N, C-alpha and C. Protein backbone atom coordinates (compact mmCIF):
# COMPACT_ATOMS: atom_id res chain seq x y z
N UNK A 1 -1.90 6.12 6.75
CA UNK A 1 -2.05 7.54 5.61
C UNK A 1 -3.49 7.17 4.93
N UNK A 2 -3.78 5.80 4.79
CA UNK A 2 -4.65 5.35 3.88
C UNK A 2 -6.14 6.02 4.16
N UNK A 3 -6.76 6.65 3.21
CA UNK A 3 -8.43 6.95 3.67
C UNK A 3 -9.47 6.46 3.99
N UNK A 4 -9.04 5.11 3.34
CA UNK A 4 -10.21 4.07 3.63
C UNK A 4 -9.73 3.39 4.93
N UNK A 5 -10.54 3.01 5.94
CA UNK A 5 -10.38 1.93 6.93
C UNK A 5 -11.38 0.68 6.93
N UNK A 6 -10.67 -0.46 7.48
CA UNK A 6 -11.59 -1.60 7.80
C UNK A 6 -13.11 -1.19 8.18
N UNK A 7 -13.75 -1.74 6.95
CA UNK A 7 -15.44 -1.68 7.43
C UNK A 7 -16.16 -0.73 6.58
N UNK A 8 -15.29 0.08 5.98
CA UNK A 8 -15.77 1.31 5.15
C UNK A 8 -16.58 0.48 3.53
N UNK A 9 -17.45 1.60 3.24
CA UNK A 9 -17.50 1.37 2.05
C UNK A 9 -16.46 1.59 1.19
N UNK A 10 -15.90 1.24 0.31
CA UNK A 10 -15.04 1.24 -0.48
C UNK A 10 -15.32 2.18 -1.69
N UNK A 11 -14.37 3.29 -1.52
CA UNK A 11 -14.51 4.54 -2.57
C UNK A 11 -13.38 4.84 -3.39
N UNK A 12 -13.14 4.26 -4.56
CA UNK A 12 -12.12 3.95 -5.63
C UNK A 12 -11.71 5.60 -5.50
N UNK A 13 -12.72 6.83 -5.87
CA UNK A 13 -11.83 7.91 -6.21
C UNK A 13 -11.16 8.35 -4.95
N UNK A 14 -11.89 8.24 -3.63
CA UNK A 14 -10.83 8.58 -2.61
C UNK A 14 -9.27 7.86 -2.87
N UNK A 15 -9.59 6.39 -3.00
CA UNK A 15 -8.06 5.88 -3.25
C UNK A 15 -7.51 6.42 -3.91
N UNK A 16 -7.86 6.67 -5.21
CA UNK A 16 -7.02 7.21 -6.34
C UNK A 16 -6.62 8.36 -6.09
N UNK A 17 -7.23 9.39 -5.30
CA UNK A 17 -6.63 10.36 -5.08
C UNK A 17 -5.66 10.51 -4.14
N UNK A 18 -5.91 9.69 -3.20
CA UNK A 18 -4.75 9.57 -2.18
C UNK A 18 -3.63 8.90 -2.72
N UNK A 19 -3.55 7.39 -3.68
CA UNK A 19 -2.33 7.00 -4.51
C UNK A 19 -2.08 7.59 -5.41
N UNK A 20 -2.56 8.55 -6.01
CA UNK A 20 -1.78 9.20 -7.48
C UNK A 20 -1.76 10.39 -7.69
N UNK A 21 -2.20 11.40 -6.25
CA UNK A 21 -1.83 12.66 -5.90
C UNK A 21 -0.76 12.64 -4.72
N UNK A 22 -2.03 12.82 -3.67
CA UNK A 22 -1.25 12.86 -2.22
C UNK A 22 -0.04 12.29 -2.33
N UNK A 23 0.04 10.77 -2.23
CA UNK A 23 1.13 9.71 -1.58
C UNK A 23 2.11 10.08 -2.72
N UNK A 24 2.04 10.33 -4.26
CA UNK A 24 2.76 10.91 -5.18
C UNK A 24 3.58 12.02 -4.90
N UNK A 25 2.88 13.30 -4.37
CA UNK A 25 3.41 14.15 -4.13
C UNK A 25 4.21 14.13 -2.88
N UNK A 26 3.73 13.43 -2.17
CA UNK A 26 4.71 13.33 -0.85
C UNK A 26 5.93 12.58 -1.06
N UNK A 27 5.91 11.23 -1.72
CA UNK A 27 7.10 10.94 -2.69
C UNK A 27 8.06 11.80 -3.04
N UNK A 28 7.51 12.62 -4.24
CA UNK A 28 8.20 13.58 -4.78
C UNK A 28 8.92 14.63 -4.07
N UNK A 29 8.29 14.66 -2.94
CA UNK A 29 9.00 15.60 -1.85
C UNK A 29 10.40 15.14 -1.37
N UNK A 30 10.41 14.21 -1.47
CA UNK A 30 11.89 13.26 -0.49
C UNK A 30 12.71 12.67 -1.96
N UNK A 31 12.46 13.40 -3.41
CA UNK A 31 13.20 12.80 -4.20
C UNK A 31 12.83 11.63 -5.10
N UNK A 32 11.70 11.36 -4.79
CA UNK A 32 11.23 9.46 -5.64
C UNK A 32 10.34 10.37 -6.74
N UNK A 33 11.06 10.65 -7.61
CA UNK A 33 10.09 11.18 -8.77
C UNK A 33 9.63 9.94 -10.18
N UNK A 34 10.64 8.43 -9.52
CA UNK A 34 9.33 7.41 -10.38
C UNK A 34 8.19 6.64 -9.82
N UNK A 35 8.01 7.35 -8.70
CA UNK A 35 6.88 6.39 -7.93
C UNK A 35 5.71 6.30 -8.78
N UNK A 36 5.47 4.90 -8.41
CA UNK A 36 4.28 3.97 -9.01
C UNK A 36 3.54 3.28 -8.40
N UNK A 37 2.42 3.55 -8.28
CA UNK A 37 1.51 2.37 -7.75
C UNK A 37 0.55 1.52 -8.21
N UNK A 38 0.27 0.15 -7.70
CA UNK A 38 -0.58 -0.63 -8.15
C UNK A 38 -1.76 -1.06 -6.79
N UNK A 39 -2.90 -0.95 -7.58
CA UNK A 39 -3.94 -1.50 -6.65
C UNK A 39 -4.17 -2.92 -6.88
N UNK A 40 -4.36 -4.19 -6.30
CA UNK A 40 -4.65 -5.37 -6.90
C UNK A 40 -5.73 -5.36 -5.75
N UNK A 41 -7.23 -5.65 -6.72
CA UNK A 41 -8.81 -6.10 -5.21
C UNK A 41 -8.54 -7.38 -5.36
N UNK A 42 -9.04 -7.54 -4.53
CA UNK A 42 -9.86 -9.50 -4.18
C UNK A 42 -11.16 -9.26 -3.51
N UNK A 43 -12.06 -9.74 -4.26
CA UNK A 43 -13.49 -9.48 -4.06
C UNK A 43 -14.08 -10.78 -3.48
N UNK A 44 -14.67 -10.79 -2.34
CA UNK A 44 -15.40 -11.99 -1.57
C UNK A 44 -16.90 -11.60 -1.28
N UNK A 45 -17.46 -12.41 -1.37
CA UNK A 45 -18.99 -12.19 -0.92
C UNK A 45 -19.15 -12.24 0.54
N UNK A 46 -20.29 -11.17 0.76
CA UNK A 46 -20.29 -11.09 2.22
C UNK A 46 -21.00 -12.02 2.65
N UNK A 47 -21.25 -11.81 4.16
CA UNK A 47 -22.20 -12.58 4.91
C UNK A 47 -23.79 -12.91 4.45
N UNK A 48 -24.21 -12.10 4.26
CA UNK A 48 -25.76 -11.99 3.33
C UNK A 48 -25.79 -11.87 1.65
N UNK A 49 -24.67 -12.15 1.36
CA UNK A 49 -24.48 -12.52 -0.27
C UNK A 49 -25.37 -11.12 -0.96
N UNK A 50 -25.88 -10.09 -0.49
CA UNK A 50 -26.32 -8.92 -0.96
C UNK A 50 -24.96 -7.90 -1.14
N UNK A 51 -24.21 -7.80 -0.10
CA UNK A 51 -23.07 -7.11 0.11
C UNK A 51 -21.80 -8.09 0.10
N UNK A 52 -20.83 -7.45 -0.56
CA UNK A 52 -19.68 -8.13 -0.46
C UNK A 52 -18.46 -7.35 -0.05
N UNK A 53 -17.17 -7.71 -0.16
CA UNK A 53 -16.24 -7.52 0.94
C UNK A 53 -14.69 -7.25 -0.44
N UNK A 54 -14.22 -6.32 -0.20
CA UNK A 54 -12.98 -6.47 -0.96
C UNK A 54 -11.33 -6.07 -0.14
N UNK A 55 -10.80 -6.90 -0.33
CA UNK A 55 -9.42 -6.73 0.42
C UNK A 55 -8.69 -6.21 -0.58
N UNK A 56 -7.74 -4.92 -0.38
CA UNK A 56 -6.86 -3.85 -1.09
C UNK A 56 -5.34 -4.21 -0.98
N UNK A 57 -4.91 -4.69 -1.69
CA UNK A 57 -3.13 -5.00 -2.03
C UNK A 57 -2.80 -3.97 -2.84
N UNK A 58 -2.12 -3.23 -1.91
CA UNK A 58 -1.53 -1.99 -2.65
C UNK A 58 0.02 -2.10 -2.80
N UNK A 59 0.92 -2.10 -3.47
CA UNK A 59 1.92 -2.24 -3.94
C UNK A 59 2.83 -0.98 -4.50
N UNK A 60 3.78 -0.49 -4.11
CA UNK A 60 4.25 0.72 -4.17
C UNK A 60 5.73 0.38 -4.44
N UNK A 61 6.04 1.19 -6.05
CA UNK A 61 7.34 1.63 -6.01
C UNK A 61 8.09 2.65 -5.97
N UNK A 62 8.74 2.92 -5.15
CA UNK A 62 9.36 4.40 -5.18
C UNK A 62 10.80 4.70 -5.97
N UNK A 63 11.21 3.93 -6.63
CA UNK A 63 12.09 4.26 -7.47
C UNK A 63 13.39 4.62 -6.68
N UNK A 64 14.64 5.36 -7.39
CA UNK A 64 15.35 5.74 -6.69
C UNK A 64 15.10 7.21 -5.93
N UNK A 65 15.79 7.43 -4.96
CA UNK A 65 16.00 9.13 -4.93
C UNK A 65 16.87 9.61 -5.50
N UNK A 66 16.23 11.01 -6.60
CA UNK A 66 16.83 11.81 -7.44
C UNK A 66 17.27 13.11 -6.52
N UNK A 67 18.68 13.71 -7.02
CA UNK A 67 19.08 14.75 -6.58
C UNK A 67 18.78 15.79 -7.61
N UNK A 68 18.96 17.07 -7.80
CA UNK A 68 19.01 18.36 -8.54
C UNK A 68 20.62 18.04 -9.35
N UNK A 69 20.55 17.93 -10.52
CA UNK A 69 21.67 18.17 -11.18
C UNK A 69 21.86 19.96 -11.34
N UNK A 70 21.64 20.17 -12.98
CA UNK A 70 21.54 21.45 -13.07
C UNK A 70 19.97 22.20 -13.13
N UNK A 71 20.49 23.13 -12.85
CA UNK A 71 18.70 24.14 -13.01
C UNK A 71 19.39 25.54 -14.31
N UNK A 72 18.71 24.71 -15.26
CA UNK A 72 19.18 26.29 -16.27
C UNK A 72 17.83 26.87 -16.35
N UNK A 73 17.84 28.15 -17.08
CA UNK A 73 16.78 28.83 -17.53
C UNK A 73 16.89 29.32 -19.33
N UNK A 74 16.10 29.18 -20.09
CA UNK A 74 15.87 29.52 -21.18
C UNK A 74 15.01 30.41 -21.65
N UNK A 75 15.92 31.39 -22.60
CA UNK A 75 15.03 32.73 -22.99
C UNK A 75 15.84 33.78 -23.30
N UNK A 76 15.26 35.16 -23.99
CA UNK A 76 16.01 36.02 -24.24
C UNK A 76 16.24 37.16 -23.16
N UNK A 77 17.13 37.88 -22.82
CA UNK A 77 17.15 38.86 -21.75
C UNK A 77 16.72 38.31 -20.82
N UNK A 78 17.25 37.37 -20.00
CA UNK A 78 17.03 37.27 -18.93
C UNK A 78 17.95 37.66 -17.56
N UNK A 79 17.00 38.13 -16.47
CA UNK A 79 18.20 38.54 -15.58
C UNK A 79 19.17 37.55 -14.86
N UNK A 80 20.16 37.97 -14.53
CA UNK A 80 21.18 37.39 -13.58
C UNK A 80 20.75 36.45 -12.44
N UNK A 81 19.82 37.13 -12.09
CA UNK A 81 19.60 36.86 -10.33
C UNK A 81 18.57 35.28 -10.25
N UNK A 82 18.44 34.78 -11.22
CA UNK A 82 16.55 33.86 -11.59
C UNK A 82 17.02 32.67 -10.19
N UNK A 83 18.34 32.34 -10.01
CA UNK A 83 18.66 31.29 -8.99
C UNK A 83 18.20 31.51 -7.57
N UNK A 84 18.17 33.37 -7.74
CA UNK A 84 17.81 33.36 -5.99
C UNK A 84 16.36 33.59 -6.15
N UNK A 85 15.52 33.27 -6.94
CA UNK A 85 13.93 32.89 -6.74
C UNK A 85 13.67 31.26 -6.65
N UNK A 86 14.91 30.75 -6.73
CA UNK A 86 14.22 29.30 -6.52
C UNK A 86 14.66 28.52 -5.38
N UNK A 87 13.99 27.74 -5.21
CA UNK A 87 14.05 27.21 -3.56
C UNK A 87 14.91 25.64 -3.77
N UNK A 88 14.97 25.39 -4.91
CA UNK A 88 15.70 23.90 -5.29
C UNK A 88 17.49 24.59 -5.69
N UNK A 89 18.34 23.69 -5.73
CA UNK A 89 19.41 23.87 -5.79
C UNK A 89 20.15 22.86 -6.20
N UNK A 90 21.42 23.02 -6.78
CA UNK A 90 21.94 22.16 -7.74
C UNK A 90 23.07 20.97 -6.16
N UNK A 91 22.51 20.07 -6.35
CA UNK A 91 23.09 19.10 -5.38
C UNK A 91 22.01 18.72 -4.36
N UNK A 92 20.54 19.27 -4.52
CA UNK A 92 20.14 19.23 -3.45
C UNK A 92 18.96 17.91 -3.67
N UNK A 93 18.17 17.18 -2.74
CA UNK A 93 17.01 16.04 -3.07
C UNK A 93 16.42 17.00 -3.81
N UNK A 94 15.77 16.11 -5.04
CA UNK A 94 14.66 16.81 -5.67
C UNK A 94 13.31 17.09 -4.74
N UNK A 95 12.72 18.01 -4.86
CA UNK A 95 11.66 18.40 -3.89
C UNK A 95 10.34 18.60 -4.74
N UNK A 96 9.21 18.10 -5.11
CA UNK A 96 8.88 18.51 -5.93
C UNK A 96 7.62 19.79 -5.30
N UNK A 97 7.53 19.83 -4.26
CA UNK A 97 6.73 20.94 -3.47
C UNK A 97 7.42 22.24 -3.59
N UNK A 98 8.98 22.30 -3.27
CA UNK A 98 9.97 23.31 -3.57
C UNK A 98 9.95 23.71 -4.96
N UNK A 99 9.53 23.14 -5.95
CA UNK A 99 9.90 22.94 -7.36
C UNK A 99 8.89 23.67 -7.68
N UNK A 100 7.73 23.21 -7.03
CA UNK A 100 6.18 24.08 -7.72
C UNK A 100 6.09 25.49 -7.13
N UNK A 101 6.74 25.69 -5.72
CA UNK A 101 6.90 27.03 -5.25
C UNK A 101 7.97 27.84 -6.10
N UNK A 102 9.07 26.80 -6.18
CA UNK A 102 10.03 28.20 -7.17
C UNK A 102 9.46 28.80 -8.31
N UNK A 103 8.72 27.74 -9.06
CA UNK A 103 7.92 28.25 -10.16
C UNK A 103 6.79 29.51 -9.75
N UNK A 104 6.73 29.51 -8.54
CA UNK A 104 5.23 30.62 -8.17
C UNK A 104 6.11 31.99 -7.98
N UNK A 105 7.41 31.28 -7.71
CA UNK A 105 8.21 32.62 -7.13
C UNK A 105 8.63 33.55 -8.63
N UNK A 106 8.63 32.53 -9.60
CA UNK A 106 8.77 33.06 -10.81
C UNK A 106 7.50 33.74 -11.25
N UNK A 107 6.35 33.32 -11.34
CA UNK A 107 5.61 33.97 -11.52
C UNK A 107 4.88 35.09 -10.84
N UNK A 108 5.26 35.15 -9.78
CA UNK A 108 5.00 36.53 -9.10
C UNK A 108 6.09 37.42 -9.24
N UNK A 109 7.06 37.41 -9.70
CA UNK A 109 7.89 38.32 -10.09
C UNK A 109 7.68 39.42 -10.95
N UNK A 110 6.51 38.84 -11.72
CA UNK A 110 6.01 39.73 -12.68
C UNK A 110 6.87 40.27 -13.71
N UNK A 111 8.07 39.24 -13.90
CA UNK A 111 8.95 39.43 -15.04
C UNK A 111 9.04 38.81 -16.20
N UNK A 112 7.86 37.87 -16.31
CA UNK A 112 7.36 36.75 -17.08
C UNK A 112 6.30 36.43 -17.13
N UNK A 113 6.20 35.75 -18.53
CA UNK A 113 4.72 35.31 -19.12
C UNK A 113 4.55 34.51 -18.19
N UNK A 114 3.42 33.47 -18.41
CA UNK A 114 3.00 32.65 -17.10
C UNK A 114 3.93 31.74 -17.26
N UNK A 115 4.45 31.24 -16.46
CA UNK A 115 4.94 29.94 -16.40
C UNK A 115 4.63 28.59 -15.83
N UNK A 116 4.30 27.69 -16.85
CA UNK A 116 3.48 25.84 -16.83
C UNK A 116 4.43 25.37 -15.89
N UNK A 117 4.30 24.73 -14.57
CA UNK A 117 5.41 24.20 -14.08
C UNK A 117 5.59 22.65 -15.05
N UNK A 118 4.70 22.16 -15.90
CA UNK A 118 4.97 21.22 -16.45
C UNK A 118 5.13 21.23 -17.78
N UNK A 119 4.71 22.36 -18.67
CA UNK A 119 4.71 22.76 -20.01
C UNK A 119 5.85 23.41 -20.53
N UNK A 120 6.36 24.13 -19.49
CA UNK A 120 7.40 25.07 -19.35
C UNK A 120 8.92 24.62 -18.85
N UNK A 121 8.91 23.62 -18.47
CA UNK A 121 10.08 23.14 -18.07
C UNK A 121 10.06 21.83 -18.84
N UNK A 122 12.14 21.30 -18.92
CA UNK A 122 12.21 20.22 -19.35
C UNK A 122 13.02 19.47 -18.40
N UNK A 123 12.43 18.13 -18.25
CA UNK A 123 13.26 17.57 -16.71
C UNK A 123 14.07 16.33 -17.87
N UNK A 124 15.36 16.56 -17.36
CA UNK A 124 15.91 15.06 -18.04
C UNK A 124 16.76 14.19 -17.11
N UNK A 125 16.56 13.08 -17.00
CA UNK A 125 17.10 12.43 -15.45
C UNK A 125 18.07 11.31 -16.05
N UNK A 126 18.95 11.35 -15.34
CA UNK A 126 20.13 10.53 -15.62
C UNK A 126 19.89 9.30 -14.29
N UNK A 127 19.57 8.34 -15.21
CA UNK A 127 19.19 7.12 -14.22
C UNK A 127 20.03 6.27 -13.34
N UNK A 128 21.32 6.47 -14.21
CA UNK A 128 22.68 5.77 -13.50
C UNK A 128 23.07 6.27 -12.39
N UNK A 129 23.18 7.86 -12.16
CA UNK A 129 23.90 8.23 -11.19
C UNK A 129 22.24 9.22 -10.23
N UNK A 130 21.26 8.96 -10.78
CA UNK A 130 20.13 9.14 -9.79
C UNK A 130 20.16 11.06 -9.97
N UNK A 131 20.08 11.43 -10.98
CA UNK A 131 20.57 13.21 -11.26
C UNK A 131 19.50 13.59 -12.08
N UNK A 132 18.84 14.48 -11.80
CA UNK A 132 17.85 14.88 -12.68
C UNK A 132 18.35 16.73 -13.12
N UNK A 133 18.26 16.95 -14.31
CA UNK A 133 18.20 18.23 -14.61
C UNK A 133 17.08 19.14 -14.76
N UNK A 134 17.03 20.24 -14.95
CA UNK A 134 15.85 20.74 -15.35
C UNK A 134 16.01 22.53 -16.14
N UNK A 135 15.79 22.40 -17.14
CA UNK A 135 15.69 23.68 -17.73
C UNK A 135 14.20 24.64 -17.87
N UNK A 136 14.28 25.39 -17.46
CA UNK A 136 12.98 26.17 -17.38
C UNK A 136 12.65 27.36 -18.66
N UNK A 137 11.93 27.26 -19.07
CA UNK A 137 11.51 28.40 -20.23
C UNK A 137 10.92 29.45 -19.82
N UNK A 138 11.65 30.43 -19.74
CA UNK A 138 10.90 31.51 -19.74
C UNK A 138 10.83 33.05 -20.58
N UNK A 139 9.61 33.29 -21.18
CA UNK A 139 9.66 34.67 -21.69
C UNK A 139 9.13 35.95 -20.94
N UNK A 140 10.13 37.08 -21.18
CA UNK A 140 10.12 38.43 -20.47
C UNK A 140 8.43 38.63 -20.82
N UNK A 141 7.90 39.93 -20.29
CA UNK A 141 6.90 40.21 -20.83
C UNK A 141 7.50 41.53 -21.63
N UNK A 142 6.63 41.77 -22.60
CA UNK A 142 6.55 42.43 -23.47
C UNK A 142 7.19 42.59 -24.47
N UNK A 143 8.03 41.29 -24.57
CA UNK A 143 8.42 40.58 -26.08
C UNK A 143 7.66 40.16 -26.54
């Protein structure tokens, strides 16, 4: 899955995007919300001294797989059918992509002011039981 291959020029931006965006998203789709990655480079001189070689040791800690606990909605005069717009449900393995698509559903409904997936949601995790509760703050348009 790595975007870098043996013999290529080391591209830190490409490596960073892969480890901290794409791979983190992939783990998040399977409930691993505590994913971390660490890169340890080992630099060596190349055969002609003007070039070098770097070996990269990548350590990934996926953490525990979390399930969705409670999903709550905070706001005034909210409709009753909000759960139907959600693609993740209580008891499911948490899936970051489905959460984001659920927020898109809320935004596309036309009922609410723009919902930011990060700023307008409160995530509370229970480390011991590996549950994550989500509260989404909504404001009806025109209020």
